[in-house]
Amino acid sequence: NSLKPEDTAVYYCAVKSQGLVTGNS
C-alpha cells in the first residue's frame, strides 16, 4: 500500500529451508 517511486524494482520471492527460519537470518 501507499506505494512510492522508490519501491520500483523487480520483486523476488524466496524460500529459506535450512538453518534458522526466524529472526535476522
mmCIF file of all heavy atoms, coordinates in Angstrom:
data_MODEL
# 
_entry.id   MODEL 
# 
loop_
_atom_site.group_PDB 
_atom_site.id 
_atom_site.type_symbol 
_atom_site.label_atom_id 
_atom_site.label_alt_id 
_atom_site.label_comp_id 
_atom_site.label_asym_id 
_atom_site.label_entity_id 
_atom_site.label_seq_id 
_atom_site.pdbx_PDB_ins_code 
_atom_site.Cartn_x 
_atom_site.Cartn_y 
_atom_site.Cartn_z 
_atom_site.occupancy 
_atom_site.B_iso_or_equiv 
_atom_site.pdbx_formal_charge 
_atom_site.auth_seq_id 
_atom_site.auth_comp_id 
_atom_site.auth_asym_id 
_atom_site.auth_atom_id 
_atom_site.pdbx_PDB_model_num 
ATOM 1   N N   . ASN A 1 1  ? 0.835  -1.199  0.000   1.00 0.00 ? 1  ASN A N   1 
ATOM 2   C CA  . ASN A 1 1  ? 0.000  0.000   0.000   1.00 0.00 ? 1  ASN A CA  1 
ATOM 3   C C   . ASN A 1 1  ? 0.867  1.246   0.000   1.00 0.00 ? 1  ASN A C   1 
ATOM 4   O O   . ASN A 1 1  ? 2.052  1.195   0.319   1.00 0.00 ? 1  ASN A O   1 
ATOM 5   C CB  . ASN A 1 1  ? -0.914 -0.003  1.222   1.00 0.00 ? 1  ASN A CB  1 
ATOM 6   C CG  . ASN A 1 1  ? -1.871 -1.175  1.242   1.00 0.00 ? 1  ASN A CG  1 
ATOM 7   O OD1 . ASN A 1 1  ? -2.288 -1.691  0.203   1.00 0.00 ? 1  ASN A OD1 1 
ATOM 8   N ND2 . ASN A 1 1  ? -2.211 -1.628  2.441   1.00 0.00 ? 1  ASN A ND2 1 
ATOM 9   N N   . SER A 1 2  ? 0.249  2.357   -0.341  1.00 0.00 ? 2  SER A N   1 
ATOM 10  C CA  . SER A 1 2  ? 0.953  3.647   -0.335  1.00 0.00 ? 2  SER A CA  1 
ATOM 11  C C   . SER A 1 2  ? 2.295  3.548   -1.056  1.00 0.00 ? 2  SER A C   1 
ATOM 12  O O   . SER A 1 2  ? 3.336  3.975   -0.541  1.00 0.00 ? 2  SER A O   1 
ATOM 13  C CB  . SER A 1 2  ? 1.173  4.124   1.106   1.00 0.00 ? 2  SER A CB  1 
ATOM 14  O OG  . SER A 1 2  ? -0.061 4.228   1.796   1.00 0.00 ? 2  SER A OG  1 
ATOM 15  N N   . LEU A 1 3  ? 2.249  3.000   -2.241  1.00 0.00 ? 3  LEU A N   1 
ATOM 16  C CA  . LEU A 1 3  ? 3.483  2.783   -2.982  1.00 0.00 ? 3  LEU A CA  1 
ATOM 17  C C   . LEU A 1 3  ? 4.154  4.092   -3.346  1.00 0.00 ? 3  LEU A C   1 
ATOM 18  O O   . LEU A 1 3  ? 3.498  5.112   -3.602  1.00 0.00 ? 3  LEU A O   1 
ATOM 19  C CB  . LEU A 1 3  ? 3.193  1.962   -4.243  1.00 0.00 ? 3  LEU A CB  1 
ATOM 20  C CG  . LEU A 1 3  ? 3.008  0.464   -3.969  1.00 0.00 ? 3  LEU A CG  1 
ATOM 21  C CD1 . LEU A 1 3  ? 2.301  -0.220  -5.137  1.00 0.00 ? 3  LEU A CD1 1 
ATOM 22  C CD2 . LEU A 1 3  ? 4.347  -0.189  -3.703  1.00 0.00 ? 3  LEU A CD2 1 
ATOM 23  N N   . LYS A 1 4  ? 5.470  4.046   -3.368  1.00 0.00 ? 4  LYS A N   1 
ATOM 24  C CA  . LYS A 1 4  ? 6.297  5.213   -3.677  1.00 0.00 ? 4  LYS A CA  1 
ATOM 25  C C   . LYS A 1 4  ? 7.165  4.892   -4.894  1.00 0.00 ? 4  LYS A C   1 
ATOM 26  O O   . LYS A 1 4  ? 7.462  3.723   -5.150  1.00 0.00 ? 4  LYS A O   1 
ATOM 27  C CB  . LYS A 1 4  ? 7.198  5.549   -2.491  1.00 0.00 ? 4  LYS A CB  1 
ATOM 28  C CG  . LYS A 1 4  ? 6.472  5.770   -1.179  1.00 0.00 ? 4  LYS A CG  1 
ATOM 29  C CD  . LYS A 1 4  ? 7.462  5.970   -0.054  1.00 0.00 ? 4  LYS A CD  1 
ATOM 30  C CE  . LYS A 1 4  ? 6.763  6.163   1.284   1.00 0.00 ? 4  LYS A CE  1 
ATOM 31  N NZ  . LYS A 1 4  ? 7.733  6.338   2.396   1.00 0.00 ? 4  LYS A NZ  1 
ATOM 32  N N   . PRO A 1 5  ? 7.610  5.894   -5.602  1.00 0.00 ? 5  PRO A N   1 
ATOM 33  C CA  . PRO A 1 5  ? 8.503  5.636   -6.742  1.00 0.00 ? 5  PRO A CA  1 
ATOM 34  C C   . PRO A 1 5  ? 9.742  4.833   -6.350  1.00 0.00 ? 5  PRO A C   1 
ATOM 35  O O   . PRO A 1 5  ? 10.229 4.020   -7.141  1.00 0.00 ? 5  PRO A O   1 
ATOM 36  C CB  . PRO A 1 5  ? 8.871  7.045   -7.211  1.00 0.00 ? 5  PRO A CB  1 
ATOM 37  C CG  . PRO A 1 5  ? 7.688  7.874   -6.848  1.00 0.00 ? 5  PRO A CG  1 
ATOM 38  C CD  . PRO A 1 5  ? 7.214  7.321   -5.533  1.00 0.00 ? 5  PRO A CD  1 
ATOM 39  N N   . GLU A 1 6  ? 10.211 5.024   -5.140  1.00 0.00 ? 6  GLU A N   1 
ATOM 40  C CA  . GLU A 1 6  ? 11.401 4.282   -4.694  1.00 0.00 ? 6  GLU A CA  1 
ATOM 41  C C   . GLU A 1 6  ? 11.122 2.804   -4.436  1.00 0.00 ? 6  GLU A C   1 
ATOM 42  O O   . GLU A 1 6  ? 12.046 2.036   -4.162  1.00 0.00 ? 6  GLU A O   1 
ATOM 43  C CB  . GLU A 1 6  ? 12.023 4.929   -3.457  1.00 0.00 ? 6  GLU A CB  1 
ATOM 44  C CG  . GLU A 1 6  ? 11.052 5.202   -2.333  1.00 0.00 ? 6  GLU A CG  1 
ATOM 45  C CD  . GLU A 1 6  ? 10.555 6.650   -2.353  1.00 0.00 ? 6  GLU A CD  1 
ATOM 46  O OE1 . GLU A 1 6  ? 10.217 7.173   -3.449  1.00 0.00 ? 6  GLU A OE1 1 
ATOM 47  O OE2 . GLU A 1 6  ? 10.473 7.240   -1.257  1.00 0.00 ? 6  GLU A OE2 1 
ATOM 48  N N   . ASP A 1 7  ? 9.869  2.395   -4.513  1.00 0.00 ? 7  ASP A N   1 
ATOM 49  C CA  . ASP A 1 7  ? 9.530  0.976   -4.418  1.00 0.00 ? 7  ASP A CA  1 
ATOM 50  C C   . ASP A 1 7  ? 9.685  0.267   -5.766  1.00 0.00 ? 7  ASP A C   1 
ATOM 51  O O   . ASP A 1 7  ? 9.549  -0.953  -5.846  1.00 0.00 ? 7  ASP A O   1 
ATOM 52  C CB  . ASP A 1 7  ? 8.086  0.790   -3.930  1.00 0.00 ? 7  ASP A CB  1 
ATOM 53  C CG  . ASP A 1 7  ? 7.889  1.273   -2.510  1.00 0.00 ? 7  ASP A CG  1 
ATOM 54  O OD1 . ASP A 1 7  ? 8.768  1.014   -1.667  1.00 0.00 ? 7  ASP A OD1 1 
ATOM 55  O OD2 . ASP A 1 7  ? 6.849  1.909   -2.247  1.00 0.00 ? 7  ASP A OD2 1 
ATOM 56  N N   . THR A 1 8  ? 9.961  1.021   -6.803  1.00 0.00 ? 8  THR A N   1 
ATOM 57  C CA  . THR A 1 8  ? 10.149 0.433   -8.124  1.00 0.00 ? 8  THR A CA  1 
ATOM 58  C C   . THR A 1 8  ? 11.321 -0.532  -8.117  1.00 0.00 ? 8  THR A C   1 
ATOM 59  O O   . THR A 1 8  ? 12.428 -0.175  -7.710  1.00 0.00 ? 8  THR A O   1 
ATOM 60  C CB  . THR A 1 8  ? 10.390 1.534   -9.168  1.00 0.00 ? 8  THR A CB  1 
ATOM 61  O OG1 . THR A 1 8  ? 9.209  2.341   -9.286  1.00 0.00 ? 8  THR A OG1 1 
ATOM 62  C CG2 . THR A 1 8  ? 10.735 0.944   -10.524 1.00 0.00 ? 8  THR A CG2 1 
ATOM 63  N N   . ALA A 1 9  ? 11.053 -1.769  -8.537  1.00 0.00 ? 9  ALA A N   1 
ATOM 64  C CA  . ALA A 1 9  ? 12.078 -2.813  -8.510  1.00 0.00 ? 9  ALA A CA  1 
ATOM 65  C C   . ALA A 1 9  ? 11.492 -4.097  -9.072  1.00 0.00 ? 9  ALA A C   1 
ATOM 66  O O   . ALA A 1 9  ? 10.281 -4.199  -9.291  1.00 0.00 ? 9  ALA A O   1 
ATOM 67  C CB  . ALA A 1 9  ? 12.561 -3.065  -7.086  1.00 0.00 ? 9  ALA A CB  1 
ATOM 68  N N   . VAL A 1 10 ? 12.364 -5.057  -9.293  1.00 0.00 ? 10 VAL A N   1 
ATOM 69  C CA  . VAL A 1 10 ? 11.917 -6.423  -9.538  1.00 0.00 ? 10 VAL A CA  1 
ATOM 70  C C   . VAL A 1 10 ? 11.817 -7.092  -8.176  1.00 0.00 ? 10 VAL A C   1 
ATOM 71  O O   . VAL A 1 10 ? 12.767 -7.049  -7.391  1.00 0.00 ? 10 VAL A O   1 
ATOM 72  C CB  . VAL A 1 10 ? 12.883 -7.189  -10.447 1.00 0.00 ? 10 VAL A CB  1 
ATOM 73  C CG1 . VAL A 1 10 ? 12.400 -8.633  -10.628 1.00 0.00 ? 10 VAL A CG1 1 
ATOM 74  C CG2 . VAL A 1 10 ? 13.008 -6.492  -11.796 1.00 0.00 ? 10 VAL A CG2 1 
ATOM 75  N N   . TYR A 1 11 ? 10.664 -7.676  -7.910  1.00 0.00 ? 11 TYR A N   1 
ATOM 76  C CA  . TYR A 1 11 ? 10.419 -8.317  -6.627  1.00 0.00 ? 11 TYR A CA  1 
ATOM 77  C C   . TYR A 1 11 ? 10.530 -9.833  -6.786  1.00 0.00 ? 11 TYR A C   1 
ATOM 78  O O   . TYR A 1 11 ? 9.933  -10.416 -7.704  1.00 0.00 ? 11 TYR A O   1 
ATOM 79  C CB  . TYR A 1 11 ? 9.031  -7.946  -6.106  1.00 0.00 ? 11 TYR A CB  1 
ATOM 80  C CG  . TYR A 1 11 ? 8.989  -6.548  -5.541  1.00 0.00 ? 11 TYR A CG  1 
ATOM 81  C CD1 . TYR A 1 11 ? 9.081  -5.442  -6.378  1.00 0.00 ? 11 TYR A CD1 1 
ATOM 82  C CD2 . TYR A 1 11 ? 8.876  -6.324  -4.173  1.00 0.00 ? 11 TYR A CD2 1 
ATOM 83  C CE1 . TYR A 1 11 ? 9.064  -4.149  -5.870  1.00 0.00 ? 11 TYR A CE1 1 
ATOM 84  C CE2 . TYR A 1 11 ? 8.849  -5.046  -3.642  1.00 0.00 ? 11 TYR A CE2 1 
ATOM 85  C CZ  . TYR A 1 11 ? 8.951  -3.959  -4.505  1.00 0.00 ? 11 TYR A CZ  1 
ATOM 86  O OH  . TYR A 1 11 ? 8.932  -2.678  -3.986  1.00 0.00 ? 11 TYR A OH  1 
ATOM 87  N N   . TYR A 1 12 ? 11.262 -10.435 -5.876  1.00 0.00 ? 12 TYR A N   1 
ATOM 88  C CA  . TYR A 1 12 ? 11.512 -11.876 -5.902  1.00 0.00 ? 12 TYR A CA  1 
ATOM 89  C C   . TYR A 1 12 ? 11.006 -12.510 -4.614  1.00 0.00 ? 12 TYR A C   1 
ATOM 90  O O   . TYR A 1 12 ? 11.195 -11.952 -3.530  1.00 0.00 ? 12 TYR A O   1 
ATOM 91  C CB  . TYR A 1 12 ? 13.000 -12.161 -6.001  1.00 0.00 ? 12 TYR A CB  1 
ATOM 92  C CG  . TYR A 1 12 ? 13.672 -11.604 -7.219  1.00 0.00 ? 12 TYR A CG  1 
ATOM 93  C CD1 . TYR A 1 12 ? 14.216 -10.322 -7.211  1.00 0.00 ? 12 TYR A CD1 1 
ATOM 94  C CD2 . TYR A 1 12 ? 13.792 -12.360 -8.382  1.00 0.00 ? 12 TYR A CD2 1 
ATOM 95  C CE1 . TYR A 1 12 ? 14.842 -9.796  -8.327  1.00 0.00 ? 12 TYR A CE1 1 
ATOM 96  C CE2 . TYR A 1 12 ? 14.420 -11.852 -9.505  1.00 0.00 ? 12 TYR A CE2 1 
ATOM 97  C CZ  . TYR A 1 12 ? 14.944 -10.574 -9.474  1.00 0.00 ? 12 TYR A CZ  1 
ATOM 98  O OH  . TYR A 1 12 ? 15.570 -10.062 -10.583 1.00 0.00 ? 12 TYR A OH  1 
ATOM 99  N N   . CYS A 1 13 ? 10.401 -13.680 -4.733  1.00 0.00 ? 13 CYS A N   1 
ATOM 100 C CA  . CYS A 1 13 ? 10.118 -14.433 -3.528  1.00 0.00 ? 13 CYS A CA  1 
ATOM 101 C C   . CYS A 1 13 ? 11.141 -15.552 -3.410  1.00 0.00 ? 13 CYS A C   1 
ATOM 102 O O   . CYS A 1 13 ? 11.737 -15.976 -4.409  1.00 0.00 ? 13 CYS A O   1 
ATOM 103 C CB  . CYS A 1 13 ? 8.692  -14.965 -3.504  1.00 0.00 ? 13 CYS A CB  1 
ATOM 104 S SG  . CYS A 1 13 ? 8.361  -16.364 -4.556  1.00 0.00 ? 13 CYS A SG  1 
ATOM 105 N N   . ALA A 1 14 ? 11.349 -15.997 -2.198  1.00 0.00 ? 14 ALA A N   1 
ATOM 106 C CA  . ALA A 1 14 ? 12.380 -16.988 -1.935  1.00 0.00 ? 14 ALA A CA  1 
ATOM 107 C C   . ALA A 1 14 ? 11.988 -17.849 -0.745  1.00 0.00 ? 14 ALA A C   1 
ATOM 108 O O   . ALA A 1 14 ? 11.172 -17.441 0.090   1.00 0.00 ? 14 ALA A O   1 
ATOM 109 C CB  . ALA A 1 14 ? 13.717 -16.285 -1.663  1.00 0.00 ? 14 ALA A CB  1 
ATOM 110 N N   . VAL A 1 15 ? 12.596 -19.021 -0.686  1.00 0.00 ? 15 VAL A N   1 
ATOM 111 C CA  . VAL A 1 15 ? 12.364 -19.969 0.406   1.00 0.00 ? 15 VAL A CA  1 
ATOM 112 C C   . VAL A 1 15 ? 13.674 -20.208 1.150   1.00 0.00 ? 15 VAL A C   1 
ATOM 113 O O   . VAL A 1 15 ? 14.708 -20.454 0.523   1.00 0.00 ? 15 VAL A O   1 
ATOM 114 C CB  . VAL A 1 15 ? 11.820 -21.312 -0.116  1.00 0.00 ? 15 VAL A CB  1 
ATOM 115 C CG1 . VAL A 1 15 ? 11.851 -22.372 0.975   1.00 0.00 ? 15 VAL A CG1 1 
ATOM 116 C CG2 . VAL A 1 15 ? 10.412 -21.151 -0.653  1.00 0.00 ? 15 VAL A CG2 1 
ATOM 117 N N   . LYS A 1 16 ? 13.589 -20.132 2.472   1.00 0.00 ? 16 LYS A N   1 
ATOM 118 C CA  . LYS A 1 16 ? 14.731 -20.484 3.313   1.00 0.00 ? 16 LYS A CA  1 
ATOM 119 C C   . LYS A 1 16 ? 14.340 -21.727 4.084   1.00 0.00 ? 16 LYS A C   1 
ATOM 120 O O   . LYS A 1 16 ? 13.428 -21.689 4.924   1.00 0.00 ? 16 LYS A O   1 
ATOM 121 C CB  . LYS A 1 16 ? 15.072 -19.345 4.268   1.00 0.00 ? 16 LYS A CB  1 
ATOM 122 C CG  . LYS A 1 16 ? 16.334 -19.602 5.104   1.00 0.00 ? 16 LYS A CG  1 
ATOM 123 C CD  . LYS A 1 16 ? 16.633 -18.452 6.028   1.00 0.00 ? 16 LYS A CD  1 
ATOM 124 C CE  . LYS A 1 16 ? 18.001 -18.582 6.674   1.00 0.00 ? 16 LYS A CE  1 
ATOM 125 N NZ  . LYS A 1 16 ? 18.134 -19.786 7.486   1.00 0.00 ? 16 LYS A NZ  1 
ATOM 126 N N   . SER A 1 17 ? 15.016 -22.837 3.820   1.00 0.00 ? 17 SER A N   1 
ATOM 127 C CA  . SER A 1 17 ? 14.633 -24.104 4.423   1.00 0.00 ? 17 SER A CA  1 
ATOM 128 C C   . SER A 1 17 ? 15.706 -24.682 5.335   1.00 0.00 ? 17 SER A C   1 
ATOM 129 O O   . SER A 1 17 ? 15.473 -25.709 5.981   1.00 0.00 ? 17 SER A O   1 
ATOM 130 C CB  . SER A 1 17 ? 14.322 -25.130 3.331   1.00 0.00 ? 17 SER A CB  1 
ATOM 131 O OG  . SER A 1 17 ? 15.467 -25.378 2.541   1.00 0.00 ? 17 SER A OG  1 
ATOM 132 N N   . GLN A 1 18 ? 16.855 -24.040 5.417   1.00 0.00 ? 18 GLN A N   1 
ATOM 133 C CA  . GLN A 1 18 ? 17.939 -24.565 6.230   1.00 0.00 ? 18 GLN A CA  1 
ATOM 134 C C   . GLN A 1 18 ? 18.325 -23.560 7.297   1.00 0.00 ? 18 GLN A C   1 
ATOM 135 O O   . GLN A 1 18 ? 18.202 -22.363 7.124   1.00 0.00 ? 18 GLN A O   1 
ATOM 136 C CB  . GLN A 1 18 ? 19.146 -24.868 5.346   1.00 0.00 ? 18 GLN A CB  1 
ATOM 137 C CG  . GLN A 1 18 ? 18.857 -25.888 4.246   1.00 0.00 ? 18 GLN A CG  1 
ATOM 138 C CD  . GLN A 1 18 ? 20.092 -26.232 3.467   1.00 0.00 ? 18 GLN A CD  1 
ATOM 139 O OE1 . GLN A 1 18 ? 21.136 -26.547 4.046   1.00 0.00 ? 18 GLN A OE1 1 
ATOM 140 N NE2 . GLN A 1 18 ? 19.997 -26.185 2.152   1.00 0.00 ? 18 GLN A NE2 1 
ATOM 141 N N   . GLY A 1 19 ? 18.802 -24.090 8.416   1.00 0.00 ? 19 GLY A N   1 
ATOM 142 C CA  . GLY A 1 19 ? 19.226 -23.212 9.490   1.00 0.00 ? 19 GLY A CA  1 
ATOM 143 C C   . GLY A 1 19 ? 18.047 -22.530 10.158  1.00 0.00 ? 19 GLY A C   1 
ATOM 144 O O   . GLY A 1 19 ? 16.913 -22.999 10.105  1.00 0.00 ? 19 GLY A O   1 
ATOM 145 N N   . LEU A 1 20 ? 18.342 -21.399 10.762  1.00 0.00 ? 20 LEU A N   1 
ATOM 146 C CA  . LEU A 1 20 ? 17.299 -20.656 11.443  1.00 0.00 ? 20 LEU A CA  1 
ATOM 147 C C   . LEU A 1 20 ? 16.276 -20.126 10.448  1.00 0.00 ? 20 LEU A C   1 
ATOM 148 O O   . LEU A 1 20 ? 16.639 -19.604 9.395   1.00 0.00 ? 20 LEU A O   1 
ATOM 149 C CB  . LEU A 1 20 ? 17.911 -19.494 12.220  1.00 0.00 ? 20 LEU A CB  1 
ATOM 150 C CG  . LEU A 1 20 ? 18.745 -19.853 13.458  1.00 0.00 ? 20 LEU A CG  1 
ATOM 151 C CD1 . LEU A 1 20 ? 19.387 -18.589 14.026  1.00 0.00 ? 20 LEU A CD1 1 
ATOM 152 C CD2 . LEU A 1 20 ? 17.867 -20.521 14.501  1.00 0.00 ? 20 LEU A CD2 1 
ATOM 153 N N   . VAL A 1 21 ? 15.026 -20.265 10.791  1.00 0.00 ? 21 VAL A N   1 
ATOM 154 C CA  . VAL A 1 21 ? 13.965 -19.719 9.937   1.00 0.00 ? 21 VAL A CA  1 
ATOM 155 C C   . VAL A 1 21 ? 13.151 -18.692 10.695  1.00 0.00 ? 21 VAL A C   1 
ATOM 156 O O   . VAL A 1 21 ? 11.959 -18.473 10.434  1.00 0.00 ? 21 VAL A O   1 
ATOM 157 C CB  . VAL A 1 21 ? 13.067 -20.835 9.359   1.00 0.00 ? 21 VAL A CB  1 
ATOM 158 C CG1 . VAL A 1 21 ? 13.836 -21.649 8.335   1.00 0.00 ? 21 VAL A CG1 1 
ATOM 159 C CG2 . VAL A 1 21 ? 12.522 -21.736 10.461  1.00 0.00 ? 21 VAL A CG2 1 
ATOM 160 N N   . THR A 1 22 ? 13.808 -18.051 11.651  1.00 0.00 ? 22 THR A N   1 
ATOM 161 C CA  . THR A 1 22 ? 13.242 -16.911 12.348  1.00 0.00 ? 22 THR A CA  1 
ATOM 162 C C   . THR A 1 22 ? 14.354 -15.887 12.543  1.00 0.00 ? 22 THR A C   1 
ATOM 163 O O   . THR A 1 22 ? 15.534 -16.198 12.400  1.00 0.00 ? 22 THR A O   1 
ATOM 164 C CB  . THR A 1 22 ? 12.683 -17.291 13.732  1.00 0.00 ? 22 THR A CB  1 
ATOM 165 O OG1 . THR A 1 22 ? 13.730 -17.885 14.495  1.00 0.00 ? 22 THR A OG1 1 
ATOM 166 C CG2 . THR A 1 22 ? 11.511 -18.256 13.625  1.00 0.00 ? 22 THR A CG2 1 
ATOM 167 N N   . GLY A 1 23 ? 13.953 -14.666 12.866  1.00 0.00 ? 23 GLY A N   1 
ATOM 168 C CA  . GLY A 1 23 ? 14.926 -13.657 13.240  1.00 0.00 ? 23 GLY A CA  1 
ATOM 169 C C   . GLY A 1 23 ? 15.672 -13.026 12.089  1.00 0.00 ? 23 GLY A C   1 
ATOM 170 O O   . GLY A 1 23 ? 15.258 -13.097 10.930  1.00 0.00 ? 23 GLY A O   1 
ATOM 171 N N   . ASN A 1 24 ? 16.780 -12.405 12.423  1.00 0.00 ? 24 ASN A N   1 
ATOM 172 C CA  . ASN A 1 24 ? 17.531 -11.608 11.457  1.00 0.00 ? 24 ASN A CA  1 
ATOM 173 C C   . ASN A 1 24 ? 18.069 -12.411 10.277  1.00 0.00 ? 24 ASN A C   1 
ATOM 174 O O   . ASN A 1 24 ? 18.376 -11.829 9.227   1.00 0.00 ? 24 ASN A O   1 
ATOM 175 C CB  . ASN A 1 24 ? 18.693 -10.908 12.157  1.00 0.00 ? 24 ASN A CB  1 
ATOM 176 C CG  . ASN A 1 24 ? 18.215 -9.785  13.062  1.00 0.00 ? 24 ASN A CG  1 
ATOM 177 O OD1 . ASN A 1 24 ? 17.139 -9.226  12.852  1.00 0.00 ? 24 ASN A OD1 1 
ATOM 178 N ND2 . ASN A 1 24 ? 18.985 -9.457  14.073  1.00 0.00 ? 24 ASN A ND2 1 
ATOM 179 N N   . SER A 1 25 ? 18.197 -13.727 10.439  1.00 0.00 ? 25 SER A N   1 
ATOM 180 C CA  . SER A 1 25 ? 18.691 -14.534 9.322   1.00 0.00 ? 25 SER A CA  1 
ATOM 181 C C   . SER A 1 25 ? 17.761 -14.438 8.120   1.00 0.00 ? 25 SER A C   1 
ATOM 182 O O   . SER A 1 25 ? 18.188 -14.654 6.983   1.00 0.00 ? 25 SER A O   1 
ATOM 183 C CB  . SER A 1 25 ? 18.851 -15.990 9.750   1.00 0.00 ? 25 SER A CB  1 
ATOM 184 O OG  . SER A 1 25 ? 17.594 -16.563 10.060  1.00 0.00 ? 25 SER A OG  1 
# 
